[in-house]
Amino acid sequence: MLGISVYLGNQDFDMERWIAETKKYKFHSIFTSLHIPEDHPSIYTERLKRLGLLAQKYEMQLFADVSPKSFSYLGINEPKELLDWGVTGIRLDYGYTDEEVVELSKQMKVGLNASTVNEATIRRWIQLGLNVENVEAWHNFYPRPETGLDARFLAERNQMFKKYGIVTMAFIPGDNELRGPIYAGLPTLEKHRGMKPHIACAELLFKYYVDKVFIGDVSVKKDTLSLLSLLSEPIIPLRVTLNQDGERIRDLIAGIHTNRHDPARDVIRSQDSRHYAKSNGIKLKPSSTSDRPIGSVTVDNIQYGRYAGELQIAKRNLPKDERVNVLGRIVEADIPLIHCIGPGQKFKLIVT
């Protein structure tokens, strides 16, 4: 579900170090581009073969963005020859006939341009024998600010692909070393430019019907890898700061919770917390009862009767309630993640 990007033209980049590090955090795929400069084919050939060996060593899938010229530059006659180099699949952009696309889908993983392939084309390919299980719909990333996709367009396209059982993919920006020459991040959605990578990833997975998320840039911070790793499980990570009363019952608050399958309009309700409180003899008296702005982490006190011990997160600004203790708040950067938590969704409260 999670992937990284490796660009072959950057000879100073330590490919193995980046691959080994991200593999530890449950990343399983690599994207690279084979839009090869005419004067550097030998460099790309050598580094692609090395990247393929590393992908096999770390048991990661390798996808390459290709054009028809790529193959002649690499000295190969047919795309399927790339399989011998450790490449799992190729993303097709332009220059391929219907018959070629269908035939390739029978030989290897094929990534379609998710923004330009329409439903009529998909139906035609299926009639011609397209192997849908080998096909994925890949969105581009957009280096130039103001050119990224609109969120509604992305969601509509992805819903269309899902009708045919086609896996969807999109990119998020990094938050460490950004790729040049513009250095403005490499997101698919314009709204994600400059956004924390784990927030962008959660939105793609839980709001916009994306199955696979790749980091478009060349690195992210280690803390970000940890947050992204949770999303792959899939568990939504929410960092929280606790007040003094919250620290007293940290064991109830910190850890993994599950939102109820009958989701409330105003709050996220942990279906696990009341049982935990009862089993561990946690009986809260009224304390820290105050207004509950969005992101407030609360636990019902003994005045709420059978609801005592229920942990909630406010999804909107709510008033003070003497039966509800306000014990902490989700950090500001993670507030958007609250709206990604659907019915039955697991989330993890990480005390900072």
Protein backbone atom coordinates (compact mmCIF):
# COMPACT_ATOMS: atom_id res chain seq x y z
CA MET A 1 0.00 0.00 0.00
CA LEU A 2 2.93 2.37 0.64
CA GLY A 3 5.72 3.18 -1.77
CA ILE A 4 8.77 5.38 -2.28
CA SER A 5 10.37 7.05 -5.29
CA VAL A 6 13.94 6.61 -6.49
CA TYR A 7 15.28 8.73 -9.36
CA LEU A 8 18.08 7.21 -11.38
CA GLY A 9 19.64 10.47 -12.49
CA ASN A 10 20.73 11.34 -8.94
CA GLN A 11 24.05 9.53 -8.71
CA ASP A 12 24.80 10.92 -5.23
CA PHE A 13 21.66 9.31 -3.79
CA ASP A 14 22.18 6.21 -1.63
CA MET A 15 19.44 3.96 -3.02
CA GLU A 16 20.01 1.01 -0.73
CA ARG A 17 19.98 3.08 2.44
CA TRP A 18 16.61 4.65 1.54
CA ILE A 19 15.10 1.33 0.48
CA ALA A 20 16.34 -0.53 3.57
CA GLU A 21 15.06 2.20 5.89
CA THR A 22 11.58 2.38 4.39
CA LYS A 23 11.23 -1.41 4.22
CA LYS A 24 11.48 -1.43 8.02
CA TYR A 25 8.42 0.83 8.07
CA LYS A 26 6.28 -1.50 5.91
CA PHE A 27 6.86 0.14 2.53
CA HIS A 28 6.51 -2.45 -0.23
CA SER A 29 6.88 -0.63 -3.56
CA ILE A 30 9.32 1.58 -5.47
CA PHE A 31 8.58 4.01 -8.29
CA THR A 32 11.19 5.21 -10.75
CA SER A 33 11.14 7.14 -14.01
CA LEU A 34 12.66 5.92 -17.27
CA HIS A 35 12.20 9.14 -19.18
CA ILE A 36 15.87 8.99 -20.05
CA PRO A 37 17.99 11.91 -21.30
CA GLU A 38 19.41 11.05 -24.71
CA ASP A 39 22.99 11.64 -23.56
CA HIS A 40 22.85 9.43 -20.43
CA PRO A 41 21.37 6.03 -21.37
CA SER A 42 24.28 4.01 -19.98
CA ILE A 43 23.96 5.61 -16.55
CA TYR A 44 20.25 4.84 -16.41
CA THR A 45 20.76 1.26 -17.58
CA GLU A 46 23.37 0.55 -14.92
CA ARG A 47 21.38 2.17 -12.11
CA LEU A 48 18.09 0.56 -13.15
CA LYS A 49 19.68 -2.88 -13.00
CA ARG A 50 21.07 -2.07 -9.54
CA LEU A 51 17.68 -0.78 -8.41
CA GLY A 52 16.05 -3.97 -9.68
CA LEU A 53 18.49 -6.09 -7.67
CA LEU A 54 17.78 -4.02 -4.55
CA ALA A 55 14.03 -4.36 -5.08
CA GLN A 56 14.43 -8.14 -5.21
CA LYS A 57 16.76 -8.16 -2.19
CA TYR A 58 14.27 -6.25 -0.04
CA GLU A 59 11.23 -7.96 -1.58
CA MET A 60 9.71 -4.74 -2.91
CA GLN A 61 7.79 -4.25 -6.14
CA LEU A 62 9.41 -1.93 -8.68
CA PHE A 63 7.34 0.17 -11.08
CA ALA A 64 8.84 2.28 -13.85
CA ASP A 65 7.35 5.21 -15.77
CA VAL A 66 8.27 4.65 -19.42
CA SER A 67 7.87 6.09 -22.89
CA PRO A 68 8.36 4.19 -26.16
CA LYS A 69 11.84 5.73 -26.50
CA SER A 70 12.85 4.36 -23.08
CA PHE A 71 13.26 0.84 -24.41
CA SER A 72 15.59 1.77 -27.26
CA TYR A 73 17.73 3.83 -24.87
CA LEU A 74 17.96 0.82 -22.53
CA GLY A 75 18.82 -1.53 -25.41
CA ILE A 76 15.81 -3.81 -25.01
CA ASN A 77 13.29 -4.89 -27.61
CA GLU A 78 10.19 -5.66 -25.54
CA PRO A 79 8.90 -4.27 -22.22
CA LYS A 80 8.68 -7.75 -20.68
CA GLU A 81 12.48 -7.94 -20.81
CA LEU A 82 12.44 -5.53 -17.87
CA LEU A 83 11.07 -8.35 -15.71
CA ASP A 84 14.53 -9.94 -15.85
CA TRP A 85 15.96 -6.69 -14.42
CA GLY A 86 13.69 -6.83 -11.36
CA VAL A 87 11.01 -4.48 -12.68
CA THR A 88 7.51 -5.56 -11.61
CA GLY A 89 5.52 -3.34 -13.94
CA ILE A 90 5.52 -0.26 -16.13
CA ARG A 91 3.37 2.84 -16.24
CA LEU A 92 2.24 3.64 -19.76
CA ASP A 93 1.80 7.26 -20.71
CA TYR A 94 1.41 7.59 -24.48
CA GLY A 95 2.33 5.92 -27.73
CA TYR A 96 0.69 2.52 -27.15
CA THR A 97 -2.12 0.95 -29.18
CA ASP A 98 -5.12 -0.79 -27.59
CA GLU A 99 -3.73 -4.15 -28.59
CA GLU A 100 -0.33 -3.39 -27.07
CA VAL A 101 -1.86 -2.34 -23.75
CA VAL A 102 -3.97 -5.50 -23.58
CA GLU A 103 -1.02 -7.75 -24.47
CA LEU A 104 1.23 -6.09 -21.89
CA SER A 105 -1.42 -6.65 -19.20
CA LYS A 106 -1.06 -10.38 -19.82
CA GLN A 107 2.70 -10.24 -19.24
CA MET A 108 3.30 -7.81 -16.35
CA LYS A 109 1.78 -5.16 -14.11
CA VAL A 110 0.60 -2.19 -16.14
CA GLY A 111 -0.05 1.30 -14.77
CA LEU A 112 -2.55 3.41 -16.71
CA ASN A 113 -2.62 7.20 -16.72
CA ALA A 114 -5.50 7.61 -14.28
CA SER A 115 -6.26 11.18 -15.33
CA THR A 116 -6.63 10.56 -19.05
CA VAL A 117 -7.97 7.02 -19.53
CA ASN A 118 -11.76 7.14 -19.78
CA GLU A 119 -14.44 4.55 -19.06
CA ALA A 120 -15.13 3.82 -22.73
CA THR A 121 -11.47 2.94 -23.22
CA ILE A 122 -11.46 0.62 -20.21
CA ARG A 123 -14.54 -1.19 -21.53
CA ARG A 124 -12.94 -1.54 -24.95
CA TRP A 125 -9.76 -2.98 -23.45
CA ILE A 126 -11.75 -5.44 -21.33
CA GLN A 127 -13.56 -6.63 -24.45
CA LEU A 128 -10.17 -7.14 -26.09
CA GLY A 129 -9.05 -9.34 -23.17
CA LEU A 130 -7.44 -6.93 -20.69
CA ASN A 131 -6.12 -8.72 -17.59
CA VAL A 132 -7.71 -6.38 -15.03
CA GLU A 133 -5.87 -8.03 -12.13
CA ASN A 134 -2.60 -6.83 -13.66
CA VAL A 135 -3.78 -3.26 -14.22
CA GLU A 136 -3.49 -0.25 -11.91
CA ALA A 137 -4.58 3.36 -12.36
CA TRP A 138 -1.71 5.74 -11.57
CA HIS A 139 -2.10 9.47 -11.08
CA ASN A 140 0.78 11.83 -11.80
CA PHE A 141 2.57 14.08 -9.35
CA TYR A 142 2.77 17.81 -10.11
CA PRO A 143 6.04 19.66 -9.35
CA ARG A 144 4.76 23.14 -10.25
CA PRO A 145 2.59 24.89 -7.65
CA GLU A 146 -1.05 25.44 -8.69
CA THR A 147 -1.06 22.55 -11.18
CA GLY A 148 -2.00 19.64 -8.89
CA LEU A 149 -5.32 17.87 -9.29
CA ASP A 150 -8.63 18.94 -7.81
CA ALA A 151 -9.81 16.61 -5.02
CA ARG A 152 -13.28 16.08 -6.50
CA PHE A 153 -11.79 15.07 -9.86
CA LEU A 154 -9.48 12.57 -8.14
CA ALA A 155 -12.32 10.99 -6.18
CA GLU A 156 -14.57 10.71 -9.25
CA ARG A 157 -11.83 9.11 -11.34
CA ASN A 158 -10.97 6.62 -8.62
CA GLN A 159 -14.59 5.61 -8.09
CA MET A 160 -14.83 4.93 -11.81
CA PHE A 161 -11.76 2.65 -11.74
CA LYS A 162 -13.05 0.79 -8.70
CA LYS A 163 -16.17 -0.20 -10.66
CA TYR A 164 -13.87 -2.40 -12.74
CA GLY A 165 -11.76 -3.69 -9.85
CA ILE A 166 -8.74 -1.58 -10.84
CA VAL A 167 -6.30 -0.59 -8.09
CA THR A 168 -5.66 3.17 -7.77
CA MET A 169 -2.47 5.02 -6.86
CA ALA A 170 -1.46 8.61 -6.07
CA PHE A 171 1.50 10.56 -4.69
CA ILE A 172 2.11 12.59 -1.54
CA PRO A 173 4.89 15.14 -0.96
CA GLY A 174 7.88 14.57 1.29
CA ASP A 175 8.87 16.70 4.28
CA ASN A 176 12.65 16.39 4.22
CA GLU A 177 14.74 16.58 1.04
CA LEU A 178 12.50 17.72 -1.83
CA ARG A 179 13.20 16.92 -5.46
CA GLY A 180 14.38 19.70 -7.77
CA PRO A 181 14.40 21.72 -9.81
CA ILE A 182 11.37 23.46 -8.25
CA TYR A 183 11.58 21.96 -4.74
CA ALA A 184 7.86 22.51 -4.05
CA GLY A 185 6.93 18.91 -3.26
CA LEU A 186 5.54 16.23 -5.57
CA PRO A 187 1.87 15.71 -4.67
CA THR A 188 -0.97 14.49 -6.84
CA LEU A 189 -3.50 16.82 -5.19
CA GLU A 190 -2.76 20.53 -5.10
CA LYS A 191 -4.31 20.77 -1.62
CA HIS A 192 -1.57 18.44 -0.36
CA ARG A 193 1.31 20.70 -1.40
CA GLY A 194 3.11 21.64 1.80
CA MET A 195 0.84 19.38 3.89
CA LYS A 196 2.27 16.89 6.38
CA PRO A 197 2.79 13.63 4.45
CA HIS A 198 0.83 11.46 6.89
CA ILE A 199 -2.17 13.82 6.68
CA ALA A 200 -2.07 13.73 2.87
CA CYS A 201 -1.72 9.94 2.92
CA ALA A 202 -4.70 9.46 5.23
CA GLU A 203 -6.88 11.67 3.06
CA LEU A 204 -5.98 9.73 -0.07
CA LEU A 205 -6.66 6.39 1.61
CA PHE A 206 -9.80 7.23 3.56
CA LYS A 207 -11.46 10.06 1.62
CA TYR A 208 -10.40 9.80 -2.02
CA TYR A 209 -10.54 6.05 -2.81
CA VAL A 210 -6.80 5.55 -3.28
CA ASP A 211 -5.36 2.06 -2.71
CA LYS A 212 -1.63 2.75 -2.98
CA VAL A 213 0.24 5.87 -1.84
CA PHE A 214 3.79 6.72 -2.94
CA ILE A 215 6.06 9.45 -1.61
CA GLY A 216 6.91 11.51 -4.68
CA ASP A 217 9.92 13.25 -3.16
CA VAL A 218 13.21 11.56 -2.30
CA SER A 219 12.89 11.44 1.49
CA VAL A 220 10.77 12.05 4.57
CA LYS A 221 11.65 12.42 8.24
CA LYS A 222 11.92 9.30 10.40
CA ASP A 223 8.97 10.37 12.57
CA THR A 224 6.91 10.67 9.39
CA LEU A 225 7.84 7.13 8.33
CA SER A 226 6.52 5.88 11.65
CA LEU A 227 3.19 7.69 11.20
CA LEU A 228 2.86 6.45 7.61
CA SER A 229 3.60 2.91 8.76
CA LEU A 230 0.58 2.99 11.08
CA LEU A 231 -1.63 4.08 8.19
CA SER A 232 -0.64 0.96 6.28
CA GLU A 233 -2.21 -1.31 8.93
CA PRO A 234 -4.59 0.69 8.61
CA ILE A 235 -4.57 2.64 11.88
CA ILE A 236 -4.94 6.42 11.89
CA PRO A 237 -2.31 8.02 14.17
CA LEU A 238 -3.38 10.99 16.29
CA ARG A 239 -0.84 12.77 18.43
CA VAL A 240 -2.30 14.14 21.65
CA THR A 241 -1.17 16.39 24.48
CA LEU A 242 -2.66 15.61 27.91
CA ASN A 243 -3.40 17.87 30.85
CA GLN A 244 -2.62 16.83 34.42
CA ASP A 245 -5.87 14.90 34.84
CA GLY A 246 -5.29 13.14 31.55
CA GLU A 247 -1.81 12.02 32.58
CA ARG A 248 -3.36 10.21 35.56
CA ILE A 249 -5.22 7.84 33.22
CA ARG A 250 -2.68 7.77 30.39
CA ASP A 251 -3.09 3.99 30.11
CA LEU A 252 -6.76 4.39 29.15
CA ILE A 253 -6.07 7.15 26.64
CA ALA A 254 -2.82 6.10 24.93
CA GLY A 255 -2.91 3.24 22.47
CA ILE A 256 -5.22 1.80 19.84
CA HIS A 257 -8.97 2.45 19.86
CA THR A 258 -11.79 1.60 17.46
CA ASN A 259 -14.47 4.07 16.42
CA ARG A 260 -17.96 2.64 16.87
CA HIS A 261 -19.63 1.13 13.82
CA ASP A 262 -22.58 3.50 14.33
CA PRO A 263 -20.56 6.73 14.02
CA ALA A 264 -21.76 9.84 15.83
CA ARG A 265 -22.10 13.19 14.09
CA ASP A 266 -20.28 15.20 16.76
CA VAL A 267 -17.64 12.89 18.24
CA ILE A 268 -15.42 9.89 17.65
CA ARG A 269 -16.48 7.25 20.20
CA SER A 270 -14.01 4.62 21.35
CA GLN A 271 -15.90 1.35 21.55
CA ASP A 272 -13.15 -0.14 23.73
CA SER A 273 -12.77 2.47 26.46
CA ARG A 274 -15.76 1.80 28.72
CA HIS A 275 -14.84 -1.87 29.08
CA TYR A 276 -11.22 -0.92 29.80
CA ALA A 277 -12.27 1.60 32.44
CA LYS A 278 -14.61 -0.89 34.15
CA SER A 279 -12.06 -3.73 34.07
CA ASN A 280 -9.36 -1.53 35.57
CA GLY A 281 -11.51 0.17 38.20
CA ILE A 282 -11.26 3.62 36.64
CA LYS A 283 -14.03 5.83 38.04
CA LEU A 284 -13.57 9.48 37.21
CA LYS A 285 -15.05 12.22 39.33
CA PRO A 286 -15.98 15.48 37.58
CA SER A 287 -12.77 17.37 36.80
CA SER A 288 -11.49 19.60 34.03
CA THR A 289 -15.02 20.04 32.71
CA SER A 290 -14.78 22.84 30.17
CA ASP A 291 -15.71 23.74 26.61
CA ARG A 292 -14.74 21.08 24.09
CA PRO A 293 -13.22 22.64 20.96
CA ILE A 294 -12.63 20.40 17.97
CA GLY A 295 -9.91 17.86 18.74
CA SER A 296 -10.66 17.70 22.47
CA VAL A 297 -10.02 14.28 24.02
CA THR A 298 -12.58 13.55 26.73
CA VAL A 299 -13.68 10.76 29.07
CA ASP A 300 -17.16 10.63 30.60
CA ASN A 301 -17.13 10.79 34.41
CA ILE A 302 -19.30 8.94 36.95
CA GLN A 303 -22.14 11.43 36.55
CA TYR A 304 -22.83 9.97 33.09
CA GLY A 305 -23.94 6.64 34.53
CA ARG A 306 -23.44 3.71 32.15
CA TYR A 307 -21.43 5.91 29.76
CA ALA A 308 -18.75 6.49 32.43
CA GLY A 309 -15.30 5.75 31.07
CA GLU A 310 -16.15 6.37 27.40
CA LEU A 311 -13.36 8.12 25.54
CA GLN A 312 -14.35 10.55 22.81
CA ILE A 313 -12.73 13.02 20.42
CA ALA A 314 -14.71 16.13 19.50
CA LYS A 315 -15.32 16.45 15.74
CA ARG A 316 -16.72 19.96 16.15
CA ASN A 317 -16.79 22.66 18.83
CA LEU A 318 -18.97 21.44 21.70
CA PRO A 319 -20.09 23.14 24.93
CA LYS A 320 -19.05 22.35 28.47
CA ASP A 321 -20.75 19.35 30.11
CA GLU A 322 -20.28 18.62 33.82
CA ARG A 323 -20.48 14.90 32.99
CA VAL A 324 -17.54 15.04 30.57
CA ASN A 325 -13.90 15.51 31.63
CA VAL A 326 -11.66 17.23 29.08
CA LEU A 327 -8.28 15.52 29.42
CA GLY A 328 -6.27 16.56 26.36
CA ARG A 329 -6.31 17.70 22.76
CA ILE A 330 -5.17 16.37 19.42
CA VAL A 331 -2.18 18.38 18.16
CA GLU A 332 -3.20 21.04 15.68
CA ALA A 333 -1.42 19.46 12.72
CA ASP A 334 -3.38 16.21 13.16
CA ILE A 335 -6.86 17.75 13.45
CA PRO A 336 -7.67 16.96 9.76
CA LEU A 337 -7.16 13.25 10.50
CA ILE A 338 -10.21 13.24 12.77
CA HIS A 339 -12.42 13.52 9.68
CA CYS A 340 -10.75 10.46 8.15
CA ILE A 341 -12.00 8.19 10.94
CA GLY A 342 -15.02 6.32 9.66
CA PRO A 343 -17.20 3.61 11.22
CA GLY A 344 -15.18 0.76 12.69
CA GLN A 345 -11.90 2.55 11.90
CA LYS A 346 -8.97 1.98 14.26
CA PHE A 347 -7.00 4.97 15.51
CA LYS A 348 -4.02 5.29 17.80
CA LEU A 349 -3.60 8.08 20.36
CA ILE A 350 0.09 8.90 20.69
CA VAL A 351 0.91 11.03 23.74
CA THR A 352 3.51 13.70 22.94
